[in-house]
PDB file of N, CA and C in Angstrom:
ATOM      1  N   MET A   1     -16.919  21.976  -5.063  1.00  0.00           N
ATOM      2  CA  MET A   1     -15.704  21.370  -5.585  1.00  0.00           C
ATOM      3  C   MET A   1     -14.574  21.590  -4.584  1.00  0.00           C
ATOM      4  N   ALA A   2     -13.735  20.585  -4.379  1.00  0.00           N
ATOM      5  CA  ALA A   2     -12.626  20.656  -3.424  1.00  0.00           C
ATOM      6  C   ALA A   2     -11.555  21.625  -3.915  1.00  0.00           C
ATOM      7  N   ASP A   3     -10.932  22.287  -2.958  1.00  0.00           N
ATOM      8  CA  ASP A   3      -9.847  23.210  -3.272  1.00  0.00           C
ATOM      9  C   ASP A   3      -8.600  22.400  -3.604  1.00  0.00           C
ATOM     10  N   LYS A   4      -8.167  22.433  -4.868  1.00  0.00           N
ATOM     11  CA  LYS A   4      -7.033  21.624  -5.309  1.00  0.00           C
ATOM     12  C   LYS A   4      -5.725  22.045  -4.662  1.00  0.00           C
ATOM     13  N   SER A   5      -5.638  23.238  -4.119  1.00  0.00           N
ATOM     14  CA  SER A   5      -4.396  23.690  -3.502  1.00  0.00           C
ATOM     15  C   SER A   5      -4.096  22.919  -2.219  1.00  0.00           C
ATOM     16  N   LYS A   6      -5.065  22.183  -1.674  1.00  0.00           N
ATOM     17  CA  LYS A   6      -4.862  21.405  -0.453  1.00  0.00           C
ATOM     18  C   LYS A   6      -4.193  20.062  -0.724  1.00  0.00           C
ATOM     19  N   PHE A   7      -4.136  19.633  -1.986  1.00  0.00           N
ATOM     20  CA  PHE A   7      -3.619  18.317  -2.328  1.00  0.00           C
ATOM     21  C   PHE A   7      -2.262  18.422  -3.006  1.00  0.00           C
ATOM     22  N   LYS A   8      -1.355  17.528  -2.588  1.00  0.00           N
ATOM     23  CA  LYS A   8      -0.055  17.428  -3.241  1.00  0.00           C
ATOM     24  C   LYS A   8      -0.084  16.190  -4.114  1.00  0.00           C
ATOM     25  N   ILE A   9       0.192  16.359  -5.383  1.00  0.00           N
ATOM     26  CA  ILE A   9       0.196  15.237  -6.299  1.00  0.00           C
ATOM     27  C   ILE A   9       1.585  14.617  -6.282  1.00  0.00           C
ATOM     28  N   PRO A  10       1.663  13.294  -6.015  1.00  0.00           N
ATOM     29  CA  PRO A  10       2.971  12.647  -5.972  1.00  0.00           C
ATOM     30  C   PRO A  10       3.642  12.674  -7.336  1.00  0.00           C
ATOM     31  N   THR A  11       4.952  12.689  -7.322  1.00  0.00           N
ATOM     32  CA  THR A  11       5.712  12.671  -8.573  1.00  0.00           C
ATOM     33  C   THR A  11       6.222  11.256  -8.816  1.00  0.00           C
ATOM     34  N   MET A  12       6.795  11.032  -9.965  1.00  0.00           N
ATOM     35  CA  MET A  12       7.314   9.707 -10.302  1.00  0.00           C
ATOM     36  C   MET A  12       8.631   9.410  -9.590  1.00  0.00           C
ATOM     37  N   GLN A  13       9.344  10.433  -9.155  1.00  0.00           N
ATOM     38  CA  GLN A  13      10.618  10.184  -8.490  1.00  0.00           C
ATOM     39  C   GLN A  13      10.583  10.685  -7.055  1.00  0.00           C
ATOM     40  N   GLY A  14      11.438  10.102  -6.247  1.00  0.00           N
ATOM     41  CA  GLY A  14      11.526  10.513  -4.858  1.00  0.00           C
ATOM     42  C   GLY A  14      10.662   9.668  -3.954  1.00  0.00           C
ATOM     43  N   PRO A  15      11.049   9.587  -2.689  1.00  0.00           N
ATOM     44  CA  PRO A  15      10.329   8.750  -1.740  1.00  0.00           C
ATOM     45  C   PRO A  15       8.967   9.332  -1.361  1.00  0.00           C
ATOM     46  N   ALA A  16       8.069   8.443  -1.002  1.00  0.00           N
ATOM     47  CA  ALA A  16       6.748   8.837  -0.519  1.00  0.00           C
ATOM     48  C   ALA A  16       6.228   7.732   0.400  1.00  0.00           C
ATOM     49  N   THR A  17       5.326   8.106   1.294  1.00  0.00           N
ATOM     50  CA  THR A  17       4.718   7.163   2.219  1.00  0.00           C
ATOM     51  C   THR A  17       3.392   6.686   1.635  1.00  0.00           C
ATOM     52  N   TYR A  18       3.214   5.367   1.612  1.00  0.00           N
ATOM     53  CA  TYR A  18       2.013   4.782   1.021  1.00  0.00           C
ATOM     54  C   TYR A  18       1.285   3.900   2.016  1.00  0.00           C
ATOM     55  N   ARG A  19      -0.034   3.798   1.816  1.00  0.00           N
ATOM     56  CA  ARG A  19      -0.880   2.848   2.536  1.00  0.00           C
ATOM     57  C   ARG A  19      -1.625   2.042   1.475  1.00  0.00           C
ATOM     58  N   ILE A  20      -1.454   0.724   1.530  1.00  0.00           N
ATOM     59  CA  ILE A  20      -2.085  -0.164   0.560  1.00  0.00           C
ATOM     60  C   ILE A  20      -2.976  -1.143   1.323  1.00  0.00           C
ATOM     61  N   ARG A  21      -4.222  -1.261   0.897  1.00  0.00           N
ATOM     62  CA  ARG A  21      -5.152  -2.222   1.504  1.00  0.00           C
ATOM     63  C   ARG A  21      -5.354  -3.371   0.523  1.00  0.00           C
ATOM     64  N   VAL A  22      -5.232  -4.593   1.054  1.00  0.00           N
ATOM     65  CA  VAL A  22      -5.327  -5.799   0.246  1.00  0.00           C
ATOM     66  C   VAL A  22      -6.323  -6.747   0.904  1.00  0.00           C
ATOM     67  N   LYS A  23      -7.178  -7.365   0.108  1.00  0.00           N
ATOM     68  CA  LYS A  23      -8.132  -8.335   0.645  1.00  0.00           C
ATOM     69  C   LYS A  23      -7.403  -9.647   0.913  1.00  0.00           C
ATOM     70  N   GLY A  24      -7.530 -10.138   2.148  1.00  0.00           N
ATOM     71  CA  GLY A  24      -6.902 -11.391   2.532  1.00  0.00           C
ATOM     72  C   GLY A  24      -5.813 -11.168   3.570  1.00  0.00           C
ATOM     73  N   VAL A  25      -5.236 -12.282   4.016  1.00  0.00           N
ATOM     74  CA  VAL A  25      -4.204 -12.232   5.054  1.00  0.00           C
ATOM     75  C   VAL A  25      -2.834 -12.358   4.404  1.00  0.00           C
ATOM     76  N   LEU A  26      -2.008 -11.353   4.621  1.00  0.00           N
ATOM     77  CA  LEU A  26      -0.634 -11.342   4.130  1.00  0.00           C
ATOM     78  C   LEU A  26       0.280 -11.420   5.346  1.00  0.00           C
ATOM     79  N   ASP A  27       1.060 -12.477   5.436  1.00  0.00           N
ATOM     80  CA  ASP A  27       1.934 -12.696   6.588  1.00  0.00           C
ATOM     81  C   ASP A  27       3.012 -11.616   6.664  1.00  0.00           C
ATOM     82  N   ALA A  28       3.352 -11.223   7.888  1.00  0.00           N
ATOM     83  CA  ALA A  28       4.363 -10.184   8.109  1.00  0.00           C
ATOM     84  C   ALA A  28       5.730 -10.569   7.544  1.00  0.00           C
ATOM     85  N   SER A  29       5.969 -11.849   7.327  1.00  0.00           N
ATOM     86  CA  SER A  29       7.255 -12.284   6.771  1.00  0.00           C
ATOM     87  C   SER A  29       7.460 -11.788   5.334  1.00  0.00           C
ATOM     88  N   TRP A  30       6.412 -11.314   4.694  1.00  0.00           N
ATOM     89  CA  TRP A  30       6.514 -10.764   3.340  1.00  0.00           C
ATOM     90  C   TRP A  30       7.036  -9.330   3.319  1.00  0.00           C
ATOM     91  N   SER A  31       7.201  -8.710   4.451  1.00  0.00           N
ATOM     92  CA  SER A  31       7.595  -7.302   4.519  1.00  0.00           C
ATOM     93  C   SER A  31       8.857  -7.004   3.715  1.00  0.00           C
ATOM     94  N   ASP A  32       9.890  -7.823   3.877  1.00  0.00           N
ATOM     95  CA  ASP A  32      11.146  -7.574   3.155  1.00  0.00           C
ATOM     96  C   ASP A  32      10.965  -7.629   1.645  1.00  0.00           C
ATOM     97  N   ARG A  33      10.101  -8.512   1.188  1.00  0.00           N
ATOM     98  CA  ARG A  33       9.865  -8.647  -0.253  1.00  0.00           C
ATOM     99  C   ARG A  33       8.902  -7.599  -0.782  1.00  0.00           C
ATOM    100  N   LEU A  34       8.312  -6.829   0.130  1.00  0.00           N
ATOM    101  CA  LEU A  34       7.370  -5.777  -0.266  1.00  0.00           C
ATOM    102  C   LEU A  34       7.888  -4.404   0.153  1.00  0.00           C
ATOM    103  N   GLY A  35       9.142  -4.163  -0.107  1.00  0.00           N
ATOM    104  CA  GLY A  35       9.728  -2.844   0.115  1.00  0.00           C
ATOM    105  C   GLY A  35       9.895  -2.463   1.573  1.00  0.00           C
ATOM    106  N   GLY A  36       9.853  -3.440   2.481  1.00  0.00           N
ATOM    107  CA  GLY A  36      10.004  -3.139   3.900  1.00  0.00           C
ATOM    108  C   GLY A  36       8.761  -2.535   4.533  1.00  0.00           C
ATOM    109  N   MET A  37       7.644  -2.616   3.845  1.00  0.00           N
ATOM    110  CA  MET A  37       6.408  -2.043   4.376  1.00  0.00           C
ATOM    111  C   MET A  37       5.941  -2.821   5.606  1.00  0.00           C
ATOM    112  N   THR A  38       5.343  -2.121   6.546  1.00  0.00           N
ATOM    113  CA  THR A  38       4.761  -2.738   7.731  1.00  0.00           C
ATOM    114  C   THR A  38       3.432  -3.373   7.331  1.00  0.00           C
ATOM    115  N   ILE A  39       3.220  -4.616   7.752  1.00  0.00           N
ATOM    116  CA  ILE A  39       1.999  -5.341   7.397  1.00  0.00           C
ATOM    117  C   ILE A  39       1.184  -5.586   8.656  1.00  0.00           C
ATOM    118  N   THR A  40      -0.064  -5.137   8.627  1.00  0.00           N
ATOM    119  CA  THR A  40      -0.994  -5.338   9.729  1.00  0.00           C
ATOM    120  C   THR A  40      -2.259  -5.972   9.174  1.00  0.00           C
ATOM    121  N   VAL A  41      -2.732  -7.034   9.821  1.00  0.00           N
ATOM    122  CA  VAL A  41      -3.972  -7.685   9.387  1.00  0.00           C
ATOM    123  C   VAL A  41      -5.117  -7.155  10.232  1.00  0.00           C
ATOM    124  N   ILE A  42      -6.162  -6.710   9.549  1.00  0.00           N
ATOM    125  CA  ILE A  42      -7.357  -6.198  10.214  1.00  0.00           C
ATOM    126  C   ILE A  42      -8.446  -7.251  10.057  1.00  0.00           C
ATOM    127  N   ALA A  43      -8.874  -7.804  11.181  1.00  0.00           N
ATOM    128  CA  ALA A  43      -9.915  -8.833  11.162  1.00  0.00           C
ATOM    129  C   ALA A  43     -11.109  -8.318  11.956  1.00  0.00           C
ATOM    130  N   GLU A  44     -12.223  -8.120  11.254  1.00  0.00           N
ATOM    131  CA  GLU A  44     -13.455  -7.680  11.905  1.00  0.00           C
ATOM    132  C   GLU A  44     -14.489  -8.780  11.775  1.00  0.00           C
ATOM    133  N   SER A  45     -15.247  -8.992  12.822  1.00  0.00           N
ATOM    134  CA  SER A  45     -16.246 -10.046  12.842  1.00  0.00           C
ATOM    135  C   SER A  45     -17.215  -9.903  11.669  1.00  0.00           C
ATOM    136  N   GLY A  46     -17.357 -10.969  10.913  1.00  0.00           N
ATOM    137  CA  GLY A  46     -18.310 -10.974   9.811  1.00  0.00           C
ATOM    138  C   GLY A  46     -17.811 -10.302   8.543  1.00  0.00           C
ATOM    139  N   GLU A  47     -16.609  -9.744   8.564  1.00  0.00           N
ATOM    140  CA  GLU A  47     -16.047  -9.066   7.401  1.00  0.00           C
ATOM    141  C   GLU A  47     -14.827  -9.834   6.909  1.00  0.00           C
ATOM    142  N   PRO A  48     -14.508  -9.738   5.604  1.00  0.00           N
ATOM    143  CA  PRO A  48     -13.287 -10.380   5.106  1.00  0.00           C
ATOM    144  C   PRO A  48     -12.046  -9.729   5.734  1.00  0.00           C
ATOM    145  N   ASP A  49     -11.015 -10.541   5.962  1.00  0.00           N
ATOM    146  CA  ASP A  49      -9.759 -10.000   6.489  1.00  0.00           C
ATOM    147  C   ASP A  49      -9.125  -9.068   5.469  1.00  0.00           C
ATOM    148  N   ILE A  50      -8.479  -8.019   5.987  1.00  0.00           N
ATOM    149  CA  ILE A  50      -7.777  -7.048   5.151  1.00  0.00           C
ATOM    150  C   ILE A  50      -6.365  -6.909   5.676  1.00  0.00           C
ATOM    151  N   SER A  51      -5.388  -6.945   4.763  1.00  0.00           N
ATOM    152  CA  SER A  51      -4.007  -6.664   5.131  1.00  0.00           C
ATOM    153  C   SER A  51      -3.715  -5.214   4.775  1.00  0.00           C
ATOM    154  N   LEU A  52      -3.145  -4.511   5.729  1.00  0.00           N
ATOM    155  CA  LEU A  52      -2.807  -3.102   5.564  1.00  0.00           C
ATOM    156  C   LEU A  52      -1.293  -2.989   5.499  1.00  0.00           C
ATOM    157  N   LEU A  53      -0.780  -2.449   4.403  1.00  0.00           N
ATOM    158  CA  LEU A  53       0.654  -2.248   4.226  1.00  0.00           C
ATOM    159  C   LEU A  53       0.923  -0.754   4.293  1.00  0.00           C
ATOM    160  N   GLU A  54       1.878  -0.350   5.115  1.00  0.00           N
ATOM    161  CA  GLU A  54       2.238   1.070   5.221  1.00  0.00           C
ATOM    162  C   GLU A  54       3.744   1.206   5.265  1.00  0.00           C
ATOM    163  N   GLY A  55       4.231   2.243   4.585  1.00  0.00           N
ATOM    164  CA  GLY A  55       5.657   2.510   4.651  1.00  0.00           C
ATOM    165  C   GLY A  55       6.112   3.444   3.560  1.00  0.00           C
ATOM    166  N   VAL A  56       7.386   3.793   3.643  1.00  0.00           N
ATOM    167  CA  VAL A  56       8.006   4.684   2.672  1.00  0.00           C
ATOM    168  C   VAL A  56       8.606   3.837   1.557  1.00  0.00           C
ATOM    169  N   LEU A  57       8.267   4.184   0.328  1.00  0.00           N
ATOM    170  CA  LEU A  57       8.855   3.537  -0.836  1.00  0.00           C
ATOM    171  C   LEU A  57       9.711   4.560  -1.575  1.00  0.00           C
ATOM    172  N   ALA A  58      10.795   4.096  -2.161  1.00  0.00           N
ATOM    173  CA  ALA A  58      11.799   4.983  -2.761  1.00  0.00           C
ATOM    174  C   ALA A  58      11.239   5.839  -3.894  1.00  0.00           C
ATOM    175  N   ASP A  59      10.350   5.272  -4.692  1.00  0.00           N
ATOM    176  CA  ASP A  59       9.777   5.993  -5.828  1.00  0.00           C
ATOM    177  C   ASP A  59       8.608   5.194  -6.381  1.00  0.00           C
ATOM    178  N   GLN A  60       8.039   5.661  -7.479  1.00  0.00           N
ATOM    179  CA  GLN A  60       6.872   4.967  -8.026  1.00  0.00           C
ATOM    180  C   GLN A  60       7.253   3.634  -8.665  1.00  0.00           C
ATOM    181  N   THR A  61       8.508   3.463  -9.038  1.00  0.00           N
ATOM    182  CA  THR A  61       8.951   2.168  -9.531  1.00  0.00           C
ATOM    183  C   THR A  61       8.884   1.140  -8.406  1.00  0.00           C
ATOM    184  N   ALA A  62       9.284   1.537  -7.200  1.00  0.00           N
ATOM    185  CA  ALA A  62       9.184   0.644  -6.036  1.00  0.00           C
ATOM    186  C   ALA A  62       7.726   0.334  -5.730  1.00  0.00           C
ATOM    187  N   LEU A  63       6.851   1.328  -5.836  1.00  0.00           N
ATOM    188  CA  LEU A  63       5.420   1.108  -5.633  1.00  0.00           C
ATOM    189  C   LEU A  63       4.894   0.093  -6.642  1.00  0.00           C
ATOM    190  N   SER A  64       5.290   0.241  -7.887  1.00  0.00           N
ATOM    191  CA  SER A  64       4.870  -0.692  -8.928  1.00  0.00           C
ATOM    192  C   SER A  64       5.341  -2.109  -8.615  1.00  0.00           C
ATOM    193  N   GLY A  65       6.566  -2.243  -8.105  1.00  0.00           N
ATOM    194  CA  GLY A  65       7.088  -3.555  -7.739  1.00  0.00           C
ATOM    195  C   GLY A  65       6.279  -4.200  -6.628  1.00  0.00           C
ATOM    196  N   VAL A  66       5.897  -3.408  -5.629  1.00  0.00           N
ATOM    197  CA  VAL A  66       5.080  -3.928  -4.525  1.00  0.00           C
ATOM    198  C   VAL A  66       3.716  -4.360  -5.049  1.00  0.00           C
ATOM    199  N   LEU A  67       3.104  -3.537  -5.877  1.00  0.00           N
ATOM    200  CA  LEU A  67       1.781  -3.878  -6.419  1.00  0.00           C
ATOM    201  C   LEU A  67       1.845  -5.121  -7.304  1.00  0.00           C
ATOM    202  N   ASN A  68       2.902  -5.242  -8.101  1.00  0.00           N
ATOM    203  CA  ASN A  68       3.061  -6.426  -8.941  1.00  0.00           C
ATOM    204  C   ASN A  68       3.216  -7.687  -8.095  1.00  0.00           C
ATOM    205  N   ALA A  69       3.963  -7.588  -6.991  1.00  0.00           N
ATOM    206  CA  ALA A  69       4.140  -8.734  -6.096  1.00  0.00           C
ATOM    207  C   ALA A  69       2.804  -9.152  -5.481  1.00  0.00           C
ATOM    208  N   ILE A  70       1.993  -8.175  -5.111  1.00  0.00           N
ATOM    209  CA  ILE A  70       0.677  -8.478  -4.536  1.00  0.00           C
ATOM    210  C   ILE A  70      -0.210  -9.170  -5.566  1.00  0.00           C
ATOM    211  N   VAL A  71      -0.191  -8.673  -6.786  1.00  0.00           N
ATOM    212  CA  VAL A  71      -0.978  -9.283  -7.860  1.00  0.00           C
ATOM    213  C   VAL A  71      -0.486 -10.705  -8.126  1.00  0.00           C
ATOM    214  N   ASP A  72       0.834 -10.913  -8.105  1.00  0.00           N
ATOM    215  CA  ASP A  72       1.390 -12.258  -8.311  1.00  0.00           C
ATOM    216  C   ASP A  72       0.934 -13.231  -7.228  1.00  0.00           C
ATOM    217  N   LEU A  73       0.623 -12.711  -6.052  1.00  0.00           N
ATOM    218  CA  LEU A  73       0.109 -13.538  -4.953  1.00  0.00           C
ATOM    219  C   LEU A  73      -1.407 -13.766  -5.072  1.00  0.00           C
ATOM    220  N   HIS A  74      -2.010 -13.201  -6.116  1.00  0.00           N
ATOM    221  CA  HIS A  74      -3.456 -13.329  -6.376  1.00  0.00           C
ATOM    222  C   HIS A  74      -4.284 -12.728  -5.241  1.00  0.00           C
ATOM    223  N   MET A  75      -3.810 -11.592  -4.721  1.00  0.00           N
ATOM    224  CA  MET A  75      -4.537 -10.891  -3.660  1.00  0.00           C
ATOM    225  C   MET A  75      -5.131  -9.614  -4.252  1.00  0.00           C
ATOM    226  N   PRO A  76      -6.433  -9.423  -4.139  1.00  0.00           N
ATOM    227  CA  PRO A  76      -7.068  -8.224  -4.689  1.00  0.00           C
ATOM    228  C   PRO A  76      -6.634  -6.959  -3.941  1.00  0.00           C
ATOM    229  N   VAL A  77      -6.228  -5.948  -4.687  1.00  0.00           N
ATOM    230  CA  VAL A  77      -5.873  -4.651  -4.109  1.00  0.00           C
ATOM    231  C   VAL A  77      -7.158  -3.855  -3.929  1.00  0.00           C
ATOM    232  N   ILE A  78      -7.394  -3.393  -2.706  1.00  0.00           N
ATOM    233  CA  ILE A  78      -8.597  -2.619  -2.403  1.00  0.00           C
ATOM    234  C   ILE A  78      -8.342  -1.137  -2.642  1.00  0.00           C
ATOM    235  N   SER A  79      -7.190  -0.646  -2.145  1.00  0.00           N
ATOM    236  CA  SER A  79      -6.887   0.782  -2.320  1.00  0.00           C
ATOM    237  C   SER A  79      -5.397   1.032  -2.172  1.00  0.00           C
ATOM    238  N   VAL A  80      -4.948   2.136  -2.774  1.00  0.00           N
ATOM    239  CA  VAL A  80      -3.578   2.630  -2.647  1.00  0.00           C
ATOM    240  C   VAL A  80      -3.672   4.112  -2.351  1.00  0.00           C
ATOM    241  N   GLU A  81      -3.041   4.539  -1.249  1.00  0.00           N
ATOM    242  CA  GLU A  81      -3.062   5.956  -0.880  1.00  0.00           C
ATOM    243  C   GLU A  81      -1.639   6.461  -0.720  1.00  0.00           C
ATOM    244  N   CYS A  82      -1.385   7.639  -1.231  1.00  0.00           N
ATOM    245  CA  CYS A  82      -0.141   8.343  -0.936  1.00  0.00           C
ATOM    246  C   CYS A  82      -0.431   9.245   0.267  1.00  0.00           C
ATOM    247  N   LEU A  83       0.265   9.012   1.368  1.00  0.00           N
ATOM    248  CA  LEU A  83      -0.029   9.735   2.603  1.00  0.00           C
ATOM    249  C   LEU A  83       0.704  11.055   2.733  1.00  0.00           C
ATOM    250  N   ASP A  84       1.680  11.307   1.886  1.00  0.00           N
ATOM    251  CA  ASP A  84       2.414  12.580   1.941  1.00  0.00           C
ATOM    252  C   ASP A  84       1.548  13.683   1.361  1.00  0.00           C
ATOM    253  N   THR A  85       1.329  14.719   2.175  1.00  0.00           N
ATOM    254  CA  THR A  85       0.492  15.841   1.705  1.00  0.00           C
ATOM    255  C   THR A  85       1.254  17.129   1.759  1.00  0.00           C
TER     256      THR A  85
END
């Protein structure tokens, strides 16, 4: 079993750095509407394109807003990671 003392659990308030993976191509022009997150498209031969969003969001309400915007675009969310440890 993993040592839980190595992990920091994010709280509902305060800024945190997130990495979100989304299936499909998300144009970089969406950055402002997605909390200013940096958008990088990963294209591997024979694999579906993945958009990688990374950046600091003000709180979990901002994270929820970004995720809702992605869902409204009908893009499947692959993963959400909090990078602050």
